[in-house]
Amino acid sequence: MLYDVTTLYIEAESEDELRKVGFSKERRVDPQIVVGPLVDRSGFPLEIGCFEGSTAETTTLVPIIAGFVER
């Protein structure tokens, strides 16, 4: 399995419950979300997580694995 996390910025005037200003690899200050797919060896998605943009990438792995194990 592979888990890869990325941020997606949204060109919006303000934040909301999901879109938050956070660390951006592009050095942008736009609201963003954090997305992390868990995929199998062939690249088939097993679980996909979407988190607030201010969430640290390192804290997203445990909830994704737990959700996958539950299902």
N, C-alpha and C. Protein backbone atom coordinates (compact mmCIF):
# COMPACT_ATOMS: atom_id res chain seq x y z
N MET A 1 0.83 -1.17 0.00
CA MET A 1 0.00 0.00 0.00
C MET A 1 0.88 1.24 0.00
N LEU A 2 0.32 2.30 -0.54
CA LEU A 2 1.00 3.59 -0.60
C LEU A 2 0.01 4.65 -0.14
N TYR A 3 0.48 5.57 0.66
CA TYR A 3 -0.33 6.70 1.11
C TYR A 3 0.41 7.97 0.74
N ASP A 4 -0.21 8.83 -0.04
CA ASP A 4 0.44 10.06 -0.50
C ASP A 4 -0.49 11.23 -0.21
N VAL A 5 0.01 12.21 0.49
CA VAL A 5 -0.79 13.36 0.90
C VAL A 5 -0.39 14.58 0.08
N THR A 6 -1.37 15.37 -0.28
CA THR A 6 -1.10 16.61 -0.99
C THR A 6 -2.09 17.67 -0.53
N THR A 7 -1.80 18.91 -0.85
CA THR A 7 -2.72 20.00 -0.55
C THR A 7 -3.27 20.54 -1.87
N LEU A 8 -4.51 20.96 -1.83
CA LEU A 8 -5.16 21.58 -2.98
C LEU A 8 -5.65 22.96 -2.54
N TYR A 9 -5.17 24.00 -3.19
CA TYR A 9 -5.62 25.33 -2.79
C TYR A 9 -6.87 25.71 -3.56
N ILE A 10 -7.65 26.57 -2.94
CA ILE A 10 -8.91 27.04 -3.52
C ILE A 10 -8.82 28.55 -3.61
N GLU A 11 -9.09 29.09 -4.77
CA GLU A 11 -9.07 30.54 -4.93
C GLU A 11 -10.38 31.08 -4.39
N ALA A 12 -10.37 31.41 -3.10
CA ALA A 12 -11.56 31.91 -2.42
C ALA A 12 -11.15 33.07 -1.52
N GLU A 13 -12.10 33.90 -1.22
CA GLU A 13 -11.83 35.07 -0.39
C GLU A 13 -11.62 34.71 1.08
N SER A 14 -12.31 33.67 1.54
CA SER A 14 -12.23 33.37 2.97
C SER A 14 -12.24 31.87 3.23
N GLU A 15 -11.95 31.52 4.47
CA GLU A 15 -11.96 30.13 4.90
C GLU A 15 -13.39 29.69 5.22
N ASP A 16 -13.58 28.38 5.35
CA ASP A 16 -14.82 27.84 5.87
C ASP A 16 -14.47 26.63 6.73
N GLU A 17 -15.42 25.74 7.00
CA GLU A 17 -15.16 24.61 7.90
C GLU A 17 -14.06 23.68 7.39
N LEU A 18 -13.93 23.53 6.09
CA LEU A 18 -12.94 22.62 5.52
C LEU A 18 -11.74 23.36 4.94
N ARG A 19 -12.01 24.43 4.24
CA ARG A 19 -10.93 25.20 3.59
C ARG A 19 -10.29 26.13 4.60
N LYS A 20 -9.04 25.82 4.94
CA LYS A 20 -8.30 26.61 5.93
C LYS A 20 -6.94 26.97 5.36
N VAL A 21 -6.45 28.13 5.76
CA VAL A 21 -5.09 28.50 5.38
C VAL A 21 -4.14 27.62 6.19
N GLY A 22 -3.20 27.00 5.51
CA GLY A 22 -2.23 26.13 6.16
C GLY A 22 -0.92 26.17 5.41
N PHE A 23 0.00 25.28 5.77
CA PHE A 23 1.30 25.21 5.09
C PHE A 23 1.08 24.84 3.63
N SER A 24 1.57 25.65 2.73
CA SER A 24 1.41 25.41 1.30
C SER A 24 2.78 25.22 0.66
N LYS A 25 2.94 24.13 -0.05
CA LYS A 25 4.20 23.88 -0.75
C LYS A 25 4.45 24.91 -1.85
N GLU A 26 3.37 25.51 -2.34
CA GLU A 26 3.48 26.55 -3.37
C GLU A 26 3.67 27.93 -2.75
N ARG A 27 3.74 27.99 -1.44
CA ARG A 27 3.90 29.23 -0.69
C ARG A 27 2.74 30.20 -0.93
N ARG A 28 1.55 29.65 -1.04
CA ARG A 28 0.34 30.45 -1.24
C ARG A 28 -0.33 30.68 0.10
N VAL A 29 -1.16 31.70 0.17
CA VAL A 29 -1.92 31.98 1.39
C VAL A 29 -3.42 31.80 1.18
N ASP A 30 -3.79 31.11 0.12
CA ASP A 30 -5.20 30.82 -0.14
C ASP A 30 -5.68 29.70 0.77
N PRO A 31 -6.99 29.64 1.04
CA PRO A 31 -7.52 28.48 1.77
C PRO A 31 -7.22 27.21 0.97
N GLN A 32 -7.03 26.12 1.68
CA GLN A 32 -6.70 24.86 1.03
C GLN A 32 -7.33 23.69 1.78
N ILE A 33 -7.30 22.52 1.15
CA ILE A 33 -7.69 21.28 1.81
C ILE A 33 -6.52 20.31 1.69
N VAL A 34 -6.50 19.32 2.56
CA VAL A 34 -5.48 18.28 2.53
C VAL A 34 -6.17 17.00 2.08
N VAL A 35 -5.63 16.35 1.05
CA VAL A 35 -6.21 15.13 0.50
C VAL A 35 -5.17 14.03 0.54
N GLY A 36 -5.60 12.84 0.96
CA GLY A 36 -4.67 11.72 1.03
C GLY A 36 -5.31 10.42 0.59
N PRO A 37 -4.92 9.89 -0.56
CA PRO A 37 -5.42 8.59 -0.99
C PRO A 37 -4.51 7.45 -0.52
N LEU A 38 -5.13 6.38 -0.06
CA LEU A 38 -4.44 5.13 0.25
C LEU A 38 -4.71 4.20 -0.93
N VAL A 39 -3.65 3.75 -1.61
CA VAL A 39 -3.83 2.93 -2.82
C VAL A 39 -3.12 1.60 -2.67
N ASP A 40 -3.58 0.61 -3.45
CA ASP A 40 -2.91 -0.69 -3.42
C ASP A 40 -1.74 -0.70 -4.39
N ARG A 41 -1.11 -1.84 -4.53
CA ARG A 41 0.09 -1.97 -5.36
C ARG A 41 -0.14 -1.55 -6.81
N SER A 42 -1.36 -1.75 -7.31
CA SER A 42 -1.65 -1.41 -8.71
C SER A 42 -2.13 0.04 -8.86
N GLY A 43 -2.25 0.78 -7.74
CA GLY A 43 -2.70 2.16 -7.81
C GLY A 43 -4.19 2.33 -7.60
N PHE A 44 -4.90 1.24 -7.30
CA PHE A 44 -6.35 1.31 -7.06
C PHE A 44 -6.61 1.95 -5.70
N PRO A 45 -7.46 2.98 -5.64
CA PRO A 45 -7.71 3.64 -4.35
C PRO A 45 -8.50 2.75 -3.40
N LEU A 46 -8.00 2.63 -2.18
CA LEU A 46 -8.67 1.84 -1.15
C LEU A 46 -9.41 2.74 -0.16
N GLU A 47 -8.89 3.90 0.07
CA GLU A 47 -9.47 4.86 1.01
C GLU A 47 -8.95 6.24 0.62
N ILE A 48 -9.81 7.25 0.73
CA ILE A 48 -9.38 8.61 0.42
C ILE A 48 -9.83 9.51 1.56
N GLY A 49 -8.91 10.29 2.07
CA GLY A 49 -9.24 11.21 3.15
C GLY A 49 -9.17 12.64 2.70
N CYS A 50 -10.04 13.45 3.28
CA CYS A 50 -10.06 14.89 3.01
C CYS A 50 -10.08 15.58 4.37
N PHE A 51 -9.13 16.48 4.58
CA PHE A 51 -8.95 17.11 5.89
C PHE A 51 -8.89 18.62 5.75
N GLU A 52 -9.10 19.31 6.88
CA GLU A 52 -8.97 20.76 6.90
C GLU A 52 -7.59 21.16 6.39
N GLY A 53 -7.53 22.28 5.73
CA GLY A 53 -6.28 22.74 5.15
C GLY A 53 -5.18 23.04 6.14
N SER A 54 -5.55 23.24 7.41
CA SER A 54 -4.54 23.53 8.43
C SER A 54 -4.04 22.26 9.13
N THR A 55 -4.49 21.08 8.66
CA THR A 55 -4.10 19.81 9.27
C THR A 55 -2.69 19.43 8.83
N ALA A 56 -1.85 19.04 9.78
CA ALA A 56 -0.50 18.58 9.44
C ALA A 56 -0.59 17.24 8.73
N GLU A 57 0.13 17.09 7.63
CA GLU A 57 0.09 15.85 6.86
C GLU A 57 0.42 14.63 7.71
N THR A 58 1.32 14.79 8.66
CA THR A 58 1.74 13.65 9.48
C THR A 58 0.64 13.12 10.39
N THR A 59 -0.41 13.89 10.62
CA THR A 59 -1.50 13.44 11.49
C THR A 59 -2.63 12.77 10.72
N THR A 60 -2.51 12.64 9.41
CA THR A 60 -3.61 12.09 8.61
C THR A 60 -3.52 10.59 8.40
N LEU A 61 -2.38 9.98 8.62
CA LEU A 61 -2.21 8.55 8.32
C LEU A 61 -3.06 7.66 9.21
N VAL A 62 -3.05 7.88 10.51
CA VAL A 62 -3.78 7.01 11.44
C VAL A 62 -5.28 7.00 11.15
N PRO A 63 -5.95 8.15 10.95
CA PRO A 63 -7.38 8.10 10.63
C PRO A 63 -7.68 7.36 9.31
N ILE A 64 -6.81 7.47 8.33
CA ILE A 64 -7.03 6.78 7.06
C ILE A 64 -6.92 5.27 7.24
N ILE A 65 -5.89 4.82 7.94
CA ILE A 65 -5.72 3.38 8.18
C ILE A 65 -6.87 2.85 9.03
N ALA A 66 -7.27 3.59 10.06
CA ALA A 66 -8.38 3.16 10.92
C ALA A 66 -9.67 3.05 10.12
N GLY A 67 -9.94 4.02 9.26
CA GLY A 67 -11.14 3.96 8.42
C GLY A 67 -11.12 2.78 7.47
N PHE A 68 -9.97 2.50 6.92
CA PHE A 68 -9.84 1.36 6.00
C PHE A 68 -10.06 0.05 6.74
N VAL A 69 -9.47 -0.09 7.91
CA VAL A 69 -9.61 -1.32 8.69
C VAL A 69 -11.07 -1.53 9.12
N GLU A 70 -11.76 -0.45 9.49
CA GLU A 70 -13.17 -0.54 9.89
C GLU A 70 -14.05 -1.06 8.77
N ARG A 71 -13.79 -0.60 7.55
CA ARG A 71 -14.62 -1.02 6.42
C ARG A 71 -14.23 -2.40 6.01
